[in-house]
Amino acid sequence: MQYVYGAMLLHAAGKPIDEKGVTSVLTAAGAQADPAQVKALLAALEGVNVSEVLAKAETMAVAAAPAAPAASEKKDDKKEAKKEEKEEKGVTEEEAAAGLSALFG
């Protein structure tokens, strides 16, 4: 993963993703770069538009994000339903007024 992160960092900085760059980033981070791994990464990234891949990943992440608030809305709905249930079980204002008027006759 560190090799991919190094490539992403180079892309974000607007630098070319090449053997020298990836090796430099990993070395600067305190990791020892394996030349075979660097070459494998570069071969895998050949012909790949990194900007497009990142944009697609961002779109997918944003599309998945709205699912979380829906769960909290359901909790709110349950709370409101319980509150309404309690109100239904209790005495209405009209019933209470009628009961008080019966006391004073």
N, C-alpha and C. Protein backbone atom coordinates (compact mmCIF):
# COMPACT_ATOMS: atom_id res chain seq x y z
N MET A 1 0.81 -1.20 0.00
CA MET A 1 0.00 0.00 0.00
C MET A 1 0.86 1.26 0.00
N GLN A 2 1.98 1.20 0.67
CA GLN A 2 2.80 2.40 0.76
C GLN A 2 3.26 2.88 -0.61
N TYR A 3 3.40 1.97 -1.55
CA TYR A 3 3.80 2.35 -2.90
C TYR A 3 2.67 3.11 -3.60
N VAL A 4 1.45 2.64 -3.39
CA VAL A 4 0.29 3.32 -3.97
C VAL A 4 0.13 4.69 -3.33
N TYR A 5 0.31 4.78 -2.03
CA TYR A 5 0.21 6.08 -1.35
C TYR A 5 1.27 7.04 -1.88
N GLY A 6 2.46 6.53 -2.11
CA GLY A 6 3.52 7.37 -2.66
C GLY A 6 3.14 7.90 -4.04
N ALA A 7 2.54 7.04 -4.86
CA ALA A 7 2.10 7.47 -6.19
C ALA A 7 0.98 8.51 -6.08
N MET A 8 0.07 8.31 -5.15
CA MET A 8 -1.02 9.29 -4.97
C MET A 8 -0.48 10.63 -4.50
N LEU A 9 0.51 10.59 -3.62
CA LEU A 9 1.12 11.82 -3.15
C LEU A 9 1.80 12.57 -4.29
N LEU A 10 2.51 11.84 -5.12
CA LEU A 10 3.14 12.47 -6.28
C LEU A 10 2.09 13.07 -7.21
N HIS A 11 1.02 12.35 -7.43
CA HIS A 11 -0.06 12.87 -8.28
C HIS A 11 -0.67 14.14 -7.70
N ALA A 12 -0.93 14.13 -6.40
CA ALA A 12 -1.52 15.30 -5.75
C ALA A 12 -0.60 16.51 -5.81
N ALA A 13 0.71 16.26 -5.81
CA ALA A 13 1.69 17.34 -5.87
C ALA A 13 1.94 17.78 -7.31
N GLY A 14 1.34 17.08 -8.27
CA GLY A 14 1.53 17.44 -9.67
C GLY A 14 2.87 16.98 -10.22
N LYS A 15 3.49 16.05 -9.57
CA LYS A 15 4.79 15.52 -10.00
C LYS A 15 4.56 14.25 -10.83
N PRO A 16 5.50 13.92 -11.70
CA PRO A 16 5.35 12.69 -12.48
C PRO A 16 5.51 11.45 -11.59
N ILE A 17 4.70 10.47 -11.86
CA ILE A 17 4.79 9.21 -11.11
C ILE A 17 5.78 8.33 -11.84
N ASP A 18 7.02 8.36 -11.37
CA ASP A 18 8.08 7.56 -11.98
C ASP A 18 8.89 6.87 -10.89
N GLU A 19 9.82 6.06 -11.30
CA GLU A 19 10.61 5.27 -10.35
C GLU A 19 11.35 6.15 -9.36
N LYS A 20 11.96 7.20 -9.86
CA LYS A 20 12.73 8.09 -8.98
C LYS A 20 11.81 8.78 -7.96
N GLY A 21 10.66 9.24 -8.42
CA GLY A 21 9.73 9.95 -7.54
C GLY A 21 9.17 9.06 -6.43
N VAL A 22 8.70 7.87 -6.81
CA VAL A 22 8.13 6.95 -5.81
C VAL A 22 9.20 6.55 -4.79
N THR A 23 10.39 6.25 -5.29
CA THR A 23 11.49 5.87 -4.39
C THR A 23 11.82 7.02 -3.44
N SER A 24 11.84 8.24 -3.95
CA SER A 24 12.16 9.40 -3.12
C SER A 24 11.10 9.62 -2.03
N VAL A 25 9.84 9.48 -2.40
CA VAL A 25 8.76 9.67 -1.43
C VAL A 25 8.85 8.63 -0.32
N LEU A 26 9.05 7.38 -0.69
CA LEU A 26 9.14 6.32 0.32
C LEU A 26 10.34 6.50 1.22
N THR A 27 11.47 6.89 0.63
CA THR A 27 12.67 7.12 1.42
C THR A 27 12.47 8.28 2.38
N ALA A 28 11.83 9.34 1.91
CA ALA A 28 11.57 10.51 2.76
C ALA A 28 10.63 10.15 3.92
N ALA A 29 9.76 9.17 3.69
CA ALA A 29 8.83 8.75 4.73
C ALA A 29 9.47 7.76 5.71
N GLY A 30 10.70 7.38 5.43
CA GLY A 30 11.39 6.47 6.33
C GLY A 30 11.25 5.01 5.97
N ALA A 31 10.69 4.73 4.80
CA ALA A 31 10.52 3.35 4.36
C ALA A 31 11.62 3.01 3.35
N GLN A 32 11.94 1.75 3.26
CA GLN A 32 12.94 1.32 2.29
C GLN A 32 12.20 0.84 1.05
N ALA A 33 12.43 1.48 -0.08
CA ALA A 33 11.74 1.15 -1.32
C ALA A 33 12.38 -0.05 -1.99
N ASP A 34 11.57 -1.03 -2.31
CA ASP A 34 12.02 -2.21 -3.04
C ASP A 34 11.88 -1.89 -4.54
N PRO A 35 12.98 -1.88 -5.28
CA PRO A 35 12.92 -1.52 -6.71
C PRO A 35 11.96 -2.39 -7.51
N ALA A 36 11.84 -3.66 -7.16
CA ALA A 36 10.92 -4.54 -7.88
C ALA A 36 9.46 -4.12 -7.64
N GLN A 37 9.16 -3.73 -6.41
CA GLN A 37 7.80 -3.28 -6.08
C GLN A 37 7.48 -1.97 -6.80
N VAL A 38 8.45 -1.08 -6.85
CA VAL A 38 8.25 0.20 -7.54
C VAL A 38 7.98 -0.05 -9.02
N LYS A 39 8.76 -0.92 -9.64
CA LYS A 39 8.57 -1.23 -11.05
C LYS A 39 7.22 -1.90 -11.29
N ALA A 40 6.80 -2.76 -10.39
CA ALA A 40 5.49 -3.42 -10.50
C ALA A 40 4.36 -2.39 -10.42
N LEU A 41 4.49 -1.45 -9.51
CA LEU A 41 3.49 -0.38 -9.39
C LEU A 41 3.40 0.43 -10.66
N LEU A 42 4.55 0.83 -11.17
CA LEU A 42 4.58 1.64 -12.38
C LEU A 42 4.00 0.88 -13.58
N ALA A 43 4.25 -0.41 -13.64
CA ALA A 43 3.68 -1.22 -14.71
C ALA A 43 2.15 -1.30 -14.57
N ALA A 44 1.68 -1.41 -13.35
CA ALA A 44 0.24 -1.48 -13.11
C ALA A 44 -0.45 -0.15 -13.42
N LEU A 45 0.25 0.95 -13.20
CA LEU A 45 -0.33 2.27 -13.44
C LEU A 45 -0.18 2.74 -14.89
N GLU A 46 0.54 1.97 -15.70
CA GLU A 46 0.76 2.37 -17.08
C GLU A 46 -0.57 2.44 -17.83
N GLY A 47 -0.85 3.58 -18.41
CA GLY A 47 -2.09 3.78 -19.14
C GLY A 47 -3.29 4.13 -18.27
N VAL A 48 -3.10 4.26 -16.98
CA VAL A 48 -4.19 4.58 -16.06
C VAL A 48 -4.24 6.08 -15.84
N ASN A 49 -5.42 6.66 -15.98
CA ASN A 49 -5.60 8.08 -15.69
C ASN A 49 -5.95 8.18 -14.20
N VAL A 50 -4.97 8.56 -13.40
CA VAL A 50 -5.14 8.59 -11.95
C VAL A 50 -6.24 9.56 -11.55
N SER A 51 -6.35 10.69 -12.23
CA SER A 51 -7.38 11.67 -11.90
C SER A 51 -8.78 11.08 -12.07
N GLU A 52 -8.99 10.33 -13.15
CA GLU A 52 -10.28 9.70 -13.38
C GLU A 52 -10.61 8.67 -12.30
N VAL A 53 -9.63 7.87 -11.95
CA VAL A 53 -9.84 6.83 -10.94
C VAL A 53 -10.20 7.47 -9.60
N LEU A 54 -9.50 8.52 -9.24
CA LEU A 54 -9.79 9.20 -7.97
C LEU A 54 -11.17 9.86 -8.01
N ALA A 55 -11.54 10.43 -9.16
CA ALA A 55 -12.86 11.06 -9.28
C ALA A 55 -13.97 10.02 -9.14
N LYS A 56 -13.78 8.84 -9.75
CA LYS A 56 -14.78 7.78 -9.62
C LYS A 56 -14.89 7.31 -8.18
N ALA A 57 -13.76 7.18 -7.51
CA ALA A 57 -13.77 6.74 -6.11
C ALA A 57 -14.49 7.76 -5.25
N GLU A 58 -14.27 9.02 -5.52
CA GLU A 58 -14.93 10.08 -4.75
C GLU A 58 -16.43 10.06 -4.98
N THR A 59 -16.84 9.85 -6.24
CA THR A 59 -18.26 9.79 -6.57
C THR A 59 -18.93 8.62 -5.86
N MET A 60 -18.24 7.49 -5.83
CA MET A 60 -18.80 6.32 -5.15
C MET A 60 -18.91 6.56 -3.66
N ALA A 61 -17.95 7.25 -3.08
CA ALA A 61 -17.98 7.53 -1.64
C ALA A 61 -19.12 8.49 -1.31
N VAL A 62 -19.34 9.48 -2.17
CA VAL A 62 -20.42 10.44 -1.94
C VAL A 62 -21.77 9.76 -2.11
N ALA A 63 -21.88 8.86 -3.06
CA ALA A 63 -23.14 8.16 -3.28
C ALA A 63 -23.50 7.27 -2.09
N ALA A 64 -22.51 6.74 -1.42
CA ALA A 64 -22.76 5.87 -0.28
C ALA A 64 -23.04 6.67 1.00
N ALA A 65 -22.62 7.91 1.06
CA ALA A 65 -22.75 8.70 2.28
C ALA A 65 -24.19 8.95 2.73
N PRO A 66 -25.17 9.23 1.86
CA PRO A 66 -26.52 9.51 2.34
C PRO A 66 -27.20 8.36 3.07
N ALA A 67 -26.68 7.17 2.97
CA ALA A 67 -27.29 6.04 3.65
C ALA A 67 -27.23 6.18 5.17
N ALA A 68 -26.22 6.80 5.69
CA ALA A 68 -26.06 6.93 7.14
C ALA A 68 -27.15 7.78 7.79
N PRO A 69 -27.48 8.97 7.27
CA PRO A 69 -28.51 9.78 7.92
C PRO A 69 -29.88 9.10 7.95
N ALA A 70 -30.16 8.23 7.01
CA ALA A 70 -31.45 7.55 6.99
C ALA A 70 -31.67 6.75 8.26
N ALA A 71 -30.63 6.15 8.77
CA ALA A 71 -30.75 5.37 10.01
C ALA A 71 -31.13 6.26 11.18
N SER A 72 -30.55 7.44 11.26
CA SER A 72 -30.89 8.32 12.37
C SER A 72 -32.30 8.86 12.23
N GLU A 73 -32.77 9.03 11.00
CA GLU A 73 -34.14 9.48 10.80
C GLU A 73 -35.12 8.43 11.30
N LYS A 74 -34.79 7.15 11.09
CA LYS A 74 -35.66 6.09 11.57
C LYS A 74 -35.75 6.11 13.09
N LYS A 75 -34.63 6.40 13.76
CA LYS A 75 -34.64 6.47 15.22
C LYS A 75 -35.55 7.60 15.67
N ASP A 76 -35.48 8.76 14.98
CA ASP A 76 -36.33 9.88 15.32
C ASP A 76 -37.80 9.52 15.13
N ASP A 77 -38.10 8.80 14.04
CA ASP A 77 -39.47 8.38 13.78
C ASP A 77 -39.97 7.47 14.90
N LYS A 78 -39.11 6.56 15.37
CA LYS A 78 -39.50 5.67 16.45
C LYS A 78 -39.77 6.45 17.73
N LYS A 79 -38.93 7.46 18.01
CA LYS A 79 -39.13 8.27 19.20
C LYS A 79 -40.45 9.02 19.12
N GLU A 80 -40.75 9.57 17.94
CA GLU A 80 -42.01 10.31 17.77
C GLU A 80 -43.20 9.36 17.92
N ALA A 81 -43.09 8.15 17.39
CA ALA A 81 -44.18 7.19 17.51
C ALA A 81 -44.43 6.83 18.97
N LYS A 82 -43.36 6.64 19.73
CA LYS A 82 -43.52 6.32 21.16
C LYS A 82 -44.14 7.50 21.90
N LYS A 83 -43.72 8.71 21.54
CA LYS A 83 -44.25 9.91 22.18
C LYS A 83 -45.75 10.03 21.90
N GLU A 84 -46.14 9.78 20.65
CA GLU A 84 -47.54 9.84 20.28
C GLU A 84 -48.35 8.77 21.01
N GLU A 85 -47.75 7.59 21.17
CA GLU A 85 -48.40 6.50 21.88
C GLU A 85 -48.70 6.90 23.32
N LYS A 86 -47.70 7.52 23.97
CA LYS A 86 -47.88 7.96 25.35
C LYS A 86 -48.97 9.01 25.44
N GLU A 87 -49.01 9.92 24.46
CA GLU A 87 -50.03 10.96 24.47
C GLU A 87 -51.42 10.35 24.28
N GLU A 88 -51.52 9.31 23.43
CA GLU A 88 -52.80 8.67 23.19
C GLU A 88 -53.30 7.95 24.44
N LYS A 89 -52.40 7.36 25.19
CA LYS A 89 -52.78 6.64 26.40
C LYS A 89 -53.23 7.60 27.48
N GLY A 90 -52.70 8.79 27.49
CA GLY A 90 -53.04 9.76 28.53
C GLY A 90 -54.40 10.38 28.30
N VAL A 91 -54.80 11.22 29.20
CA VAL A 91 -56.10 11.89 29.17
C VAL A 91 -55.99 13.13 28.29
N THR A 92 -56.95 13.33 27.41
CA THR A 92 -56.95 14.53 26.56
C THR A 92 -57.36 15.73 27.39
N GLU A 93 -57.14 16.90 26.84
CA GLU A 93 -57.49 18.14 27.57
C GLU A 93 -58.98 18.24 27.82
N GLU A 94 -59.78 17.81 26.84
CA GLU A 94 -61.24 17.88 26.99
C GLU A 94 -61.72 16.96 28.12
N GLU A 95 -61.13 15.77 28.19
CA GLU A 95 -61.52 14.82 29.23
C GLU A 95 -61.13 15.37 30.60
N ALA A 96 -59.97 15.99 30.67
CA ALA A 96 -59.53 16.54 31.95
C ALA A 96 -60.45 17.68 32.38
N ALA A 97 -60.85 18.53 31.44
CA ALA A 97 -61.76 19.64 31.77
C ALA A 97 -63.12 19.11 32.23
N ALA A 98 -63.59 18.06 31.56
CA ALA A 98 -64.87 17.48 31.97
C ALA A 98 -64.79 16.89 33.36
N GLY A 99 -63.67 16.25 33.65
CA GLY A 99 -63.48 15.66 34.98
C GLY A 99 -63.44 16.72 36.06
N LEU A 100 -62.78 17.84 35.80
CA LEU A 100 -62.70 18.93 36.79
C LEU A 100 -64.07 19.58 37.02
N SER A 101 -64.85 19.72 35.96
CA SER A 101 -66.16 20.35 36.10
C SER A 101 -67.10 19.47 36.91
N ALA A 102 -66.87 18.15 36.84
CA ALA A 102 -67.70 17.24 37.62
C ALA A 102 -67.43 17.38 39.11
N LEU A 103 -66.20 17.77 39.47
CA LEU A 103 -65.87 17.95 40.87
C LEU A 103 -66.61 19.12 41.48
N PHE A 104 -66.79 20.17 40.68
CA PHE A 104 -67.40 21.38 41.22
C PHE A 104 -68.86 21.53 40.82
N GLY A 105 -69.40 20.54 40.24
CA GLY A 105 -70.69 20.43 39.93
C GLY A 105 -71.74 21.04 39.34
